[in-house]
Amino acid sequence: MTTLFVMLQAVANVSIGYLGAAIGAGLAAIGAGIGIGKIGQGAMEGIARQPESAGRISSTMIIAAALVEGVALFAAVICLLVALK
């Protein structure tokens, strides 16, 4: 609890919005990395089990990864809007 109090005093001159935006952007990036890693893992396992359907699996994987990346980009834009407000 004291560590949190010391950190809050250290950033007293900086708005808490900036801190929240930075944490939010970091969490969005971490979440996107984990999500895309899981998508890649599932696609590789699927291709290993059925090599003849590699084209369909790869195209589906790219679409899913783009959707995850879009959500992460949206979260980062929201964090920037909060920070620049």
PDB file of N, CA and C in Angstrom:
ATOM      1  N   MET A   1       0.825  -1.186   0.000  1.00  0.00           N
ATOM      2  CA  MET A   1       0.000   0.000   0.000  1.00  0.00           C
ATOM      3  C   MET A   1       0.869   1.249   0.000  1.00  0.00           C
ATOM      4  N   THR A   2       1.968   1.236   0.725  1.00  0.00           N
ATOM      5  CA  THR A   2       2.834   2.398   0.754  1.00  0.00           C
ATOM      6  C   THR A   2       3.517   2.601  -0.591  1.00  0.00           C
ATOM      7  N   THR A   3       3.823   1.536  -1.285  1.00  0.00           N
ATOM      8  CA  THR A   3       4.442   1.675  -2.597  1.00  0.00           C
ATOM      9  C   THR A   3       3.497   2.399  -3.545  1.00  0.00           C
ATOM     10  N   LEU A   4       2.226   2.044  -3.500  1.00  0.00           N
ATOM     11  CA  LEU A   4       1.235   2.717  -4.325  1.00  0.00           C
ATOM     12  C   LEU A   4       1.134   4.193  -3.959  1.00  0.00           C
ATOM     13  N   PHE A   5       1.177   4.485  -2.668  1.00  0.00           N
ATOM     14  CA  PHE A   5       1.101   5.875  -2.212  1.00  0.00           C
ATOM     15  C   PHE A   5       2.303   6.671  -2.697  1.00  0.00           C
ATOM     16  N   VAL A   6       3.480   6.082  -2.643  1.00  0.00           N
ATOM     17  CA  VAL A   6       4.693   6.756  -3.103  1.00  0.00           C
ATOM     18  C   VAL A   6       4.624   6.994  -4.604  1.00  0.00           C
ATOM     19  N   MET A   7       4.130   5.995  -5.356  1.00  0.00           N
ATOM     20  CA  MET A   7       4.012   6.153  -6.805  1.00  0.00           C
ATOM     21  C   MET A   7       3.010   7.246  -7.153  1.00  0.00           C
ATOM     22  N   LEU A   8       1.907   7.304  -6.431  1.00  0.00           N
ATOM     23  CA  LEU A   8       0.916   8.346  -6.688  1.00  0.00           C
ATOM     24  C   LEU A   8       1.454   9.732  -6.360  1.00  0.00           C
ATOM     25  N   GLN A   9       2.274   9.847  -5.319  1.00  0.00           N
ATOM     26  CA  GLN A   9       2.885  11.129  -5.010  1.00  0.00           C
ATOM     27  C   GLN A   9       3.903  11.514  -6.073  1.00  0.00           C
ATOM     28  N   ALA A  10       4.585  10.517  -6.651  1.00  0.00           N
ATOM     29  CA  ALA A  10       5.587  10.800  -7.674  1.00  0.00           C
ATOM     30  C   ALA A  10       4.946  11.337  -8.946  1.00  0.00           C
ATOM     31  N   VAL A  11       3.746  10.892  -9.231  1.00  0.00           N
ATOM     32  CA  VAL A  11       3.066  11.353 -10.441  1.00  0.00           C
ATOM     33  C   VAL A  11       1.985  12.374 -10.118  1.00  0.00           C
ATOM     34  N   ALA A  12       2.113  13.057  -9.000  1.00  0.00           N
ATOM     35  CA  ALA A  12       1.082  14.017  -8.582  1.00  0.00           C
ATOM     36  C   ALA A  12       0.969  15.179  -9.568  1.00  0.00           C
ATOM     37  N   ASN A  13       2.072  15.566 -10.191  1.00  0.00           N
ATOM     38  CA  ASN A  13       2.027  16.666 -11.138  1.00  0.00           C
ATOM     39  C   ASN A  13       1.485  16.236 -12.494  1.00  0.00           C
ATOM     40  N   VAL A  14       1.485  14.946 -12.737  1.00  0.00           N
ATOM     41  CA  VAL A  14       0.989  14.409 -13.997  1.00  0.00           C
ATOM     42  C   VAL A  14      -0.425  13.909 -13.761  1.00  0.00           C
ATOM     43  N   SER A  15      -1.273  14.161 -14.701  1.00  0.00           N
ATOM     44  CA  SER A  15      -2.656  13.730 -14.568  1.00  0.00           C
ATOM     45  C   SER A  15      -2.742  12.208 -14.528  1.00  0.00           C
ATOM     46  N   ILE A  16      -3.675  11.715 -13.752  1.00  0.00           N
ATOM     47  CA  ILE A  16      -3.888  10.269 -13.653  1.00  0.00           C
ATOM     48  C   ILE A  16      -4.362   9.715 -14.995  1.00  0.00           C
ATOM     49  N   GLY A  17      -4.960  10.557 -15.822  1.00  0.00           N
ATOM     50  CA  GLY A  17      -5.399  10.128 -17.152  1.00  0.00           C
ATOM     51  C   GLY A  17      -4.249   9.642 -18.010  1.00  0.00           C
ATOM     52  N   TYR A  18      -3.102  10.312 -17.908  1.00  0.00           N
ATOM     53  CA  TYR A  18      -1.934   9.886 -18.665  1.00  0.00           C
ATOM     54  C   TYR A  18      -1.470   8.503 -18.222  1.00  0.00           C
ATOM     55  N   LEU A  19      -1.463   8.291 -16.921  1.00  0.00           N
ATOM     56  CA  LEU A  19      -1.050   7.000 -16.389  1.00  0.00           C
ATOM     57  C   LEU A  19      -2.016   5.912 -16.825  1.00  0.00           C
ATOM     58  N   GLY A  20      -3.308   6.214 -16.754  1.00  0.00           N
ATOM     59  CA  GLY A  20      -4.312   5.242 -17.178  1.00  0.00           C
ATOM     60  C   GLY A  20      -4.221   4.935 -18.658  1.00  0.00           C
ATOM     61  N   ALA A  21      -3.961   5.969 -19.457  1.00  0.00           N
ATOM     62  CA  ALA A  21      -3.830   5.760 -20.895  1.00  0.00           C
ATOM     63  C   ALA A  21      -2.613   4.905 -21.223  1.00  0.00           C
ATOM     64  N   ALA A  22      -1.515   5.129 -20.521  1.00  0.00           N
ATOM     65  CA  ALA A  22      -0.307   4.336 -20.759  1.00  0.00           C
ATOM     66  C   ALA A  22      -0.529   2.879 -20.364  1.00  0.00           C
ATOM     67  N   ILE A  23      -1.159   2.668 -19.227  1.00  0.00           N
ATOM     68  CA  ILE A  23      -1.434   1.300 -18.791  1.00  0.00           C
ATOM     69  C   ILE A  23      -2.406   0.628 -19.755  1.00  0.00           C
ATOM     70  N   GLY A  24      -3.421   1.366 -20.202  1.00  0.00           N
ATOM     71  CA  GLY A  24      -4.387   0.804 -21.140  1.00  0.00           C
ATOM     72  C   GLY A  24      -3.761   0.418 -22.468  1.00  0.00           C
ATOM     73  N   ALA A  25      -2.895   1.266 -22.990  1.00  0.00           N
ATOM     74  CA  ALA A  25      -2.228   0.963 -24.255  1.00  0.00           C
ATOM     75  C   ALA A  25      -1.314  -0.251 -24.109  1.00  0.00           C
ATOM     76  N   GLY A  26      -0.634  -0.340 -22.984  1.00  0.00           N
ATOM     77  CA  GLY A  26       0.227  -1.502 -22.738  1.00  0.00           C
ATOM     78  C   GLY A  26      -0.572  -2.790 -22.639  1.00  0.00           C
ATOM     79  N   LEU A  27      -1.690  -2.736 -21.932  1.00  0.00           N
ATOM     80  CA  LEU A  27      -2.533  -3.934 -21.815  1.00  0.00           C
ATOM     81  C   LEU A  27      -3.127  -4.329 -23.158  1.00  0.00           C
ATOM     82  N   ALA A  28      -3.478  -3.351 -23.976  1.00  0.00           N
ATOM     83  CA  ALA A  28      -4.009  -3.659 -25.308  1.00  0.00           C
ATOM     84  C   ALA A  28      -2.954  -4.352 -26.164  1.00  0.00           C
ATOM     85  N   ALA A  29      -1.716  -3.873 -26.091  1.00  0.00           N
ATOM     86  CA  ALA A  29      -0.636  -4.488 -26.869  1.00  0.00           C
ATOM     87  C   ALA A  29      -0.340  -5.903 -26.386  1.00  0.00           C
ATOM     88  N   ILE A  30      -0.328  -6.081 -25.068  1.00  0.00           N
ATOM     89  CA  ILE A  30      -0.080  -7.416 -24.514  1.00  0.00           C
ATOM     90  C   ILE A  30      -1.213  -8.366 -24.898  1.00  0.00           C
ATOM     91  N   GLY A  31      -2.453  -7.885 -24.790  1.00  0.00           N
ATOM     92  CA  GLY A  31      -3.595  -8.724 -25.149  1.00  0.00           C
ATOM     93  C   GLY A  31      -3.577  -9.121 -26.612  1.00  0.00           C
ATOM     94  N   ALA A  32      -3.220  -8.179 -27.487  1.00  0.00           N
ATOM     95  CA  ALA A  32      -3.147  -8.490 -28.912  1.00  0.00           C
ATOM     96  C   ALA A  32      -2.040  -9.505 -29.191  1.00  0.00           C
ATOM     97  N   GLY A  33      -0.923  -9.355 -28.526  1.00  0.00           N
ATOM     98  CA  GLY A  33       0.169 -10.316 -28.715  1.00  0.00           C
ATOM     99  C   GLY A  33      -0.213 -11.718 -28.286  1.00  0.00           C
ATOM    100  N   ILE A  34      -0.881 -11.812 -27.155  1.00  0.00           N
ATOM    101  CA  ILE A  34      -1.324 -13.125 -26.673  1.00  0.00           C
ATOM    102  C   ILE A  34      -2.365 -13.707 -27.629  1.00  0.00           C
ATOM    103  N   GLY A  35      -3.311 -12.870 -28.068  1.00  0.00           N
ATOM    104  CA  GLY A  35      -4.354 -13.340 -28.971  1.00  0.00           C
ATOM    105  C   GLY A  35      -3.806 -13.836 -30.295  1.00  0.00           C
ATOM    106  N   ILE A  36      -2.915 -13.088 -30.888  1.00  0.00           N
ATOM    107  CA  ILE A  36      -2.339 -13.493 -32.170  1.00  0.00           C
ATOM    108  C   ILE A  36      -1.455 -14.728 -31.991  1.00  0.00           C
ATOM    109  N   GLY A  37      -0.783 -14.835 -30.861  1.00  0.00           N
ATOM    110  CA  GLY A  37      -0.005 -16.045 -30.577  1.00  0.00           C
ATOM    111  C   GLY A  37      -0.887 -17.282 -30.490  1.00  0.00           C
ATOM    112  N   LYS A  38      -2.041 -17.144 -29.832  1.00  0.00           N
ATOM    113  CA  LYS A  38      -2.977 -18.272 -29.734  1.00  0.00           C
ATOM    114  C   LYS A  38      -3.534 -18.645 -31.107  1.00  0.00           C
ATOM    115  N   ILE A  39      -3.824 -17.622 -31.923  1.00  0.00           N
ATOM    116  CA  ILE A  39      -4.325 -17.883 -33.267  1.00  0.00           C
ATOM    117  C   ILE A  39      -3.280 -18.641 -34.082  1.00  0.00           C
ATOM    118  N   GLY A  40      -2.038 -18.181 -34.021  1.00  0.00           N
ATOM    119  CA  GLY A  40      -0.959 -18.861 -34.744  1.00  0.00           C
ATOM    120  C   GLY A  40      -0.737 -20.278 -34.255  1.00  0.00           C
ATOM    121  N   GLN A  41      -0.821 -20.469 -32.936  1.00  0.00           N
ATOM    122  CA  GLN A  41      -0.647 -21.813 -32.374  1.00  0.00           C
ATOM    123  C   GLN A  41      -1.738 -22.749 -32.887  1.00  0.00           C
ATOM    124  N   GLY A  42      -2.986 -22.275 -32.857  1.00  0.00           N
ATOM    125  CA  GLY A  42      -4.088 -23.115 -33.328  1.00  0.00           C
ATOM    126  C   GLY A  42      -3.977 -23.422 -34.809  1.00  0.00           C
ATOM    127  N   ALA A  43      -3.542 -22.433 -35.586  1.00  0.00           N
ATOM    128  CA  ALA A  43      -3.404 -22.647 -37.028  1.00  0.00           C
ATOM    129  C   ALA A  43      -2.295 -23.656 -37.327  1.00  0.00           C
ATOM    130  N   MET A  44      -1.185 -23.552 -36.621  1.00  0.00           N
ATOM    131  CA  MET A  44      -0.093 -24.495 -36.860  1.00  0.00           C
ATOM    132  C   MET A  44      -0.485 -25.920 -36.466  1.00  0.00           C
ATOM    133  N   GLU A  45      -1.219 -26.048 -35.373  1.00  0.00           N
ATOM    134  CA  GLU A  45      -1.686 -27.378 -34.970  1.00  0.00           C
ATOM    135  C   GLU A  45      -2.667 -27.940 -35.995  1.00  0.00           C
ATOM    136  N   GLY A  46      -3.554 -27.079 -36.516  1.00  0.00           N
ATOM    137  CA  GLY A  46      -4.506 -27.522 -37.524  1.00  0.00           C
ATOM    138  C   GLY A  46      -3.826 -27.935 -38.813  1.00  0.00           C
ATOM    139  N   ILE A  47      -2.823 -27.166 -39.227  1.00  0.00           N
ATOM    140  CA  ILE A  47      -2.091 -27.504 -40.451  1.00  0.00           C
ATOM    141  C   ILE A  47      -1.295 -28.790 -40.254  1.00  0.00           C
ATOM    142  N   ALA A  48      -0.772 -29.002 -39.050  1.00  0.00           N
ATOM    143  CA  ALA A  48      -0.019 -30.230 -38.782  1.00  0.00           C
ATOM    144  C   ALA A  48      -0.936 -31.457 -38.841  1.00  0.00           C
ATOM    145  N   ARG A  49      -2.183 -31.282 -38.427  1.00  0.00           N
ATOM    146  CA  ARG A  49      -3.118 -32.417 -38.442  1.00  0.00           C
ATOM    147  C   ARG A  49      -3.690 -32.666 -39.829  1.00  0.00           C
ATOM    148  N   GLN A  50      -3.954 -31.591 -40.585  1.00  0.00           N
ATOM    149  CA  GLN A  50      -4.514 -31.728 -41.930  1.00  0.00           C
ATOM    150  C   GLN A  50      -3.759 -30.813 -42.894  1.00  0.00           C
ATOM    151  N   PRO A  51      -2.636 -31.283 -43.407  1.00  0.00           N
ATOM    152  CA  PRO A  51      -1.819 -30.435 -44.288  1.00  0.00           C
ATOM    153  C   PRO A  51      -2.533 -30.028 -45.575  1.00  0.00           C
ATOM    154  N   GLU A  52      -3.505 -30.823 -46.024  1.00  0.00           N
ATOM    155  CA  GLU A  52      -4.190 -30.496 -47.282  1.00  0.00           C
ATOM    156  C   GLU A  52      -5.095 -29.266 -47.160  1.00  0.00           C
ATOM    157  N   SER A  53      -5.452 -28.892 -45.948  1.00  0.00           N
ATOM    158  CA  SER A  53      -6.309 -27.709 -45.770  1.00  0.00           C
ATOM    159  C   SER A  53      -5.516 -26.500 -45.264  1.00  0.00           C
ATOM    160  N   ALA A  54      -4.236 -26.467 -45.577  1.00  0.00           N
ATOM    161  CA  ALA A  54      -3.373 -25.383 -45.100  1.00  0.00           C
ATOM    162  C   ALA A  54      -3.794 -24.031 -45.655  1.00  0.00           C
ATOM    163  N   GLY A  55      -4.257 -23.987 -46.898  1.00  0.00           N
ATOM    164  CA  GLY A  55      -4.667 -22.713 -47.492  1.00  0.00           C
ATOM    165  C   GLY A  55      -5.865 -22.103 -46.794  1.00  0.00           C
ATOM    166  N   ARG A  56      -6.875 -22.923 -46.515  1.00  0.00           N
ATOM    167  CA  ARG A  56      -8.068 -22.421 -45.839  1.00  0.00           C
ATOM    168  C   ARG A  56      -7.740 -21.987 -44.416  1.00  0.00           C
ATOM    169  N   ILE A  57      -6.918 -22.781 -43.739  1.00  0.00           N
ATOM    170  CA  ILE A  57      -6.559 -22.449 -42.352  1.00  0.00           C
ATOM    171  C   ILE A  57      -5.750 -21.161 -42.307  1.00  0.00           C
ATOM    172  N   SER A  58      -4.828 -21.007 -43.243  1.00  0.00           N
ATOM    173  CA  SER A  58      -3.986 -19.796 -43.253  1.00  0.00           C
ATOM    174  C   SER A  58      -4.808 -18.541 -43.526  1.00  0.00           C
ATOM    175  N   SER A  59      -5.746 -18.627 -44.474  1.00  0.00           N
ATOM    176  CA  SER A  59      -6.549 -17.437 -44.769  1.00  0.00           C
ATOM    177  C   SER A  59      -7.461 -17.088 -43.592  1.00  0.00           C
ATOM    178  N   THR A  60      -8.011 -18.098 -42.931  1.00  0.00           N
ATOM    179  CA  THR A  60      -8.834 -17.852 -41.756  1.00  0.00           C
ATOM    180  C   THR A  60      -7.996 -17.269 -40.624  1.00  0.00           C
ATOM    181  N   MET A  61      -6.774 -17.755 -40.493  1.00  0.00           N
ATOM    182  CA  MET A  61      -5.879 -17.242 -39.454  1.00  0.00           C
ATOM    183  C   MET A  61      -5.548 -15.774 -39.695  1.00  0.00           C
ATOM    184  N   ILE A  62      -5.310 -15.403 -40.933  1.00  0.00           N
ATOM    185  CA  ILE A  62      -4.973 -14.015 -41.242  1.00  0.00           C
ATOM    186  C   ILE A  62      -6.156 -13.101 -40.954  1.00  0.00           C
ATOM    187  N   ILE A  63      -7.362 -13.533 -41.281  1.00  0.00           N
ATOM    188  CA  ILE A  63      -8.555 -12.731 -41.007  1.00  0.00           C
ATOM    189  C   ILE A  63      -8.742 -12.560 -39.501  1.00  0.00           C
ATOM    190  N   ALA A  64      -8.596 -13.643 -38.747  1.00  0.00           N
ATOM    191  CA  ALA A  64      -8.757 -13.563 -37.291  1.00  0.00           C
ATOM    192  C   ALA A  64      -7.681 -12.678 -36.662  1.00  0.00           C
ATOM    193  N   ALA A  65      -6.453 -12.787 -37.140  1.00  0.00           N
ATOM    194  CA  ALA A  65      -5.371 -11.951 -36.611  1.00  0.00           C
ATOM    195  C   ALA A  65      -5.616 -10.477 -36.930  1.00  0.00           C
ATOM    196  N   ALA A  66      -6.168 -10.189 -38.109  1.00  0.00           N
ATOM    197  CA  ALA A  66      -6.474  -8.804 -38.460  1.00  0.00           C
ATOM    198  C   ALA A  66      -7.570  -8.244 -37.555  1.00  0.00           C
ATOM    199  N   LEU A  67      -8.556  -9.069 -37.209  1.00  0.00           N
ATOM    200  CA  LEU A  67      -9.608  -8.609 -36.311  1.00  0.00           C
ATOM    201  C   LEU A  67      -9.059  -8.329 -34.912  1.00  0.00           C
ATOM    202  N   VAL A  68      -8.185  -9.187 -34.431  1.00  0.00           N
ATOM    203  CA  VAL A  68      -7.576  -8.967 -33.112  1.00  0.00           C
ATOM    204  C   VAL A  68      -6.723  -7.702 -33.141  1.00  0.00           C
ATOM    205  N   GLU A  69      -5.976  -7.525 -34.206  1.00  0.00           N
ATOM    206  CA  GLU A  69      -5.129  -6.337 -34.326  1.00  0.00           C
ATOM    207  C   GLU A  69      -5.981  -5.071 -34.426  1.00  0.00           C
ATOM    208  N   GLY A  70      -7.130  -5.174 -35.071  1.00  0.00           N
ATOM    209  CA  GLY A  70      -8.042  -4.030 -35.155  1.00  0.00           C
ATOM    210  C   GLY A  70      -8.567  -3.620 -33.798  1.00  0.00           C
ATOM    211  N   VAL A  71      -8.905  -4.589 -32.978  1.00  0.00           N
ATOM    212  CA  VAL A  71      -9.380  -4.284 -31.625  1.00  0.00           C
ATOM    213  C   VAL A  71      -8.261  -3.632 -30.810  1.00  0.00           C
ATOM    214  N   ALA A  72      -7.047  -4.132 -30.947  1.00  0.00           N
ATOM    215  CA  ALA A  72      -5.916  -3.542 -30.218  1.00  0.00           C
ATOM    216  C   ALA A  72      -5.638  -2.118 -30.695  1.00  0.00           C
ATOM    217  N   LEU A  73      -5.750  -1.880 -31.995  1.00  0.00           N
ATOM    218  CA  LEU A  73      -5.552  -0.538 -32.516  1.00  0.00           C
ATOM    219  C   LEU A  73      -6.637   0.403 -32.007  1.00  0.00           C
ATOM    220  N   PHE A  74      -7.869  -0.073 -31.968  1.00  0.00           N
ATOM    221  CA  PHE A  74      -8.968   0.725 -31.442  1.00  0.00           C
ATOM    222  C   PHE A  74      -8.711   1.095 -29.980  1.00  0.00           C
ATOM    223  N   ALA A  75      -8.244   0.139 -29.194  1.00  0.00           N
ATOM    224  CA  ALA A  75      -7.942   0.409 -27.783  1.00  0.00           C
ATOM    225  C   ALA A  75      -6.814   1.428 -27.651  1.00  0.00           C
ATOM    226  N   ALA A  76      -5.796   1.318 -28.499  1.00  0.00           N
ATOM    227  CA  ALA A  76      -4.687   2.275 -28.440  1.00  0.00           C
ATOM    228  C   ALA A  76      -5.147   3.680 -28.829  1.00  0.00           C
ATOM    229  N   VAL A  77      -6.051   3.780 -29.799  1.00  0.00           N
ATOM    230  CA  VAL A  77      -6.571   5.089 -30.194  1.00  0.00           C
ATOM    231  C   VAL A  77      -7.385   5.703 -29.062  1.00  0.00           C
ATOM    232  N   ILE A  78      -8.183   4.895 -28.386  1.00  0.00           N
ATOM    233  CA  ILE A  78      -8.957   5.385 -27.249  1.00  0.00           C
ATOM    234  C   ILE A  78      -8.008   5.872 -26.153  1.00  0.00           C
ATOM    235  N   CYS A  79      -6.938   5.145 -25.898  1.00  0.00           N
ATOM    236  CA  CYS A  79      -5.958   5.571 -24.893  1.00  0.00           C
ATOM    237  C   CYS A  79      -5.301   6.890 -25.292  1.00  0.00           C
ATOM    238  N   LEU A  80      -5.004   7.051 -26.570  1.00  0.00           N
ATOM    239  CA  LEU A  80      -4.431   8.315 -27.017  1.00  0.00           C
ATOM    240  C   LEU A  80      -5.420   9.458 -26.876  1.00  0.00           C
ATOM    241  N   LEU A  81      -6.680   9.195 -27.166  1.00  0.00           N
ATOM    242  CA  LEU A  81      -7.684  10.244 -26.995  1.00  0.00           C
ATOM    243  C   LEU A  81      -7.799  10.665 -25.543  1.00  0.00           C
ATOM    244  N   VAL A  82      -7.709   9.708 -24.626  1.00  0.00           N
ATOM    245  CA  VAL A  82      -7.761  10.038 -23.206  1.00  0.00           C
ATOM    246  C   VAL A  82      -6.535  10.839 -22.804  1.00  0.00           C
ATOM    247  N   ALA A  83      -5.381  10.450 -23.319  1.00  0.00           N
ATOM    248  CA  ALA A  83      -4.137  11.132 -22.932  1.00  0.00           C
ATOM    249  C   ALA A  83      -4.067  12.544 -23.497  1.00  0.00           C
ATOM    250  N   LEU A  84      -4.625  12.762 -24.681  1.00  0.00           N
ATOM    251  CA  LEU A  84      -4.523  14.064 -25.315  1.00  0.00           C
ATOM    252  C   LEU A  84      -5.700  14.980 -25.036  1.00  0.00           C
ATOM    253  N   LYS A  85      -6.609  14.542 -24.205  1.00  0.00           N
ATOM    254  CA  LYS A  85      -7.790  15.335 -23.900  1.00  0.00           C
ATOM    255  C   LYS A  85      -7.467  16.545 -23.070  1.00  0.00           C
TER     256      LYS A  85
END
